[in-house]
Amino acid sequence: MILAGRRINDGMGKYVAAEIDKARTLLGYAPEFNVRHGLAKAAKWYFENLPR
């Protein structure tokens, strides 16, 4: 992983998963979409709004 222009060894390997329990508890975070739906929606918006 590269952070601020420097390579760091995060020890996480190829796949990374994140837990949102702390954000739910402290901030009341509640995602509106799952990752698949969110990426599909973002890609659709991106391709509809590309400069032509």
C-alpha atoms as a PDB file:
ATOM      1  CA  MET A   1       0.000   0.000   0.000  1.00  0.00           C
ATOM      2  CA  ILE A   2       1.224   3.513  -0.718  1.00  0.00           C
ATOM      3  CA  LEU A   3       0.320   6.308   1.662  1.00  0.00           C
ATOM      4  CA  ALA A   4       1.467   9.904   1.230  1.00  0.00           C
ATOM      5  CA  GLY A   5       3.935   8.812  -1.443  1.00  0.00           C
ATOM      6  CA  ARG A   6       5.600   6.213   0.797  1.00  0.00           C
ATOM      7  CA  ARG A   7       5.184   2.475   0.563  1.00  0.00           C
ATOM      8  CA  ILE A   8       4.014   0.835   3.768  1.00  0.00           C
ATOM      9  CA  ASN A   9       3.672  -2.814   4.681  1.00  0.00           C
ATOM     10  CA  ASP A  10       0.197  -3.147   6.124  1.00  0.00           C
ATOM     11  CA  GLY A  11       0.350  -6.927   6.582  1.00  0.00           C
ATOM     12  CA  MET A  12      -3.145  -7.327   5.174  1.00  0.00           C
ATOM     13  CA  GLY A  13      -2.147  -9.168   2.051  1.00  0.00           C
ATOM     14  CA  LYS A  14      -4.153  -9.137  -1.153  1.00  0.00           C
ATOM     15  CA  TYR A  15      -7.660  -8.823   0.303  1.00  0.00           C
ATOM     16  CA  VAL A  16      -8.889  -6.271   2.807  1.00  0.00           C
ATOM     17  CA  ALA A  17     -12.207  -6.188   4.645  1.00  0.00           C
ATOM     18  CA  ALA A  18     -13.468  -3.390   6.823  1.00  0.00           C
ATOM     19  CA  GLU A  19     -15.881  -3.520   9.719  1.00  0.00           C
ATOM     20  CA  ILE A  20     -18.269  -0.623  10.233  1.00  0.00           C
ATOM     21  CA  ASP A  21     -19.426  -1.510  13.739  1.00  0.00           C
ATOM     22  CA  LYS A  22     -17.590   1.424  15.323  1.00  0.00           C
ATOM     23  CA  ALA A  23     -19.049   3.888  12.813  1.00  0.00           C
ATOM     24  CA  ARG A  24     -22.530   2.477  13.445  1.00  0.00           C
ATOM     25  CA  THR A  25     -22.116   2.800  17.217  1.00  0.00           C
ATOM     26  CA  LEU A  26     -20.387   6.175  17.457  1.00  0.00           C
ATOM     27  CA  LEU A  27     -21.845   7.972  14.447  1.00  0.00           C
ATOM     28  CA  GLY A  28     -25.115   6.183  13.783  1.00  0.00           C
ATOM     29  CA  TYR A  29     -23.818   5.234  10.328  1.00  0.00           C
ATOM     30  CA  ALA A  30     -26.255   3.190   8.254  1.00  0.00           C
ATOM     31  CA  PRO A  31     -25.201   2.487   4.654  1.00  0.00           C
ATOM     32  CA  GLU A  32     -27.922   3.002   2.052  1.00  0.00           C
ATOM     33  CA  PHE A  33     -26.474   0.512  -0.444  1.00  0.00           C
ATOM     34  CA  ASN A  34     -24.405  -2.633  -0.403  1.00  0.00           C
ATOM     35  CA  VAL A  35     -21.070  -2.493  -2.246  1.00  0.00           C
ATOM     36  CA  ARG A  36     -22.357  -4.097  -5.454  1.00  0.00           C
ATOM     37  CA  HIS A  37     -25.327  -1.733  -5.733  1.00  0.00           C
ATOM     38  CA  GLY A  38     -23.209   1.298  -4.823  1.00  0.00           C
ATOM     39  CA  LEU A  39     -20.558   0.509  -7.425  1.00  0.00           C
ATOM     40  CA  ALA A  40     -23.192  -0.110 -10.104  1.00  0.00           C
ATOM     41  CA  LYS A  41     -24.864   3.206  -9.285  1.00  0.00           C
ATOM     42  CA  ALA A  42     -21.526   5.062  -9.307  1.00  0.00           C
ATOM     43  CA  ALA A  43     -20.490   3.505 -12.634  1.00  0.00           C
ATOM     44  CA  LYS A  44     -23.852   4.388 -14.203  1.00  0.00           C
ATOM     45  CA  TRP A  45     -23.535   8.000 -13.033  1.00  0.00           C
ATOM     46  CA  TYR A  46     -19.929   8.192 -14.248  1.00  0.00           C
ATOM     47  CA  PHE A  47     -20.720   6.965 -17.752  1.00  0.00           C
ATOM     48  CA  GLU A  48     -23.796   9.186 -18.026  1.00  0.00           C
ATOM     49  CA  ASN A  49     -21.768  12.256 -17.019  1.00  0.00           C
ATOM     50  CA  LEU A  50     -18.533  11.800 -18.979  1.00  0.00           C
ATOM     51  CA  PRO A  51     -17.620  14.882 -21.007  1.00  0.00           C
ATOM     52  CA  ARG A  52     -18.299  14.232 -24.659  1.00  0.00           C
END
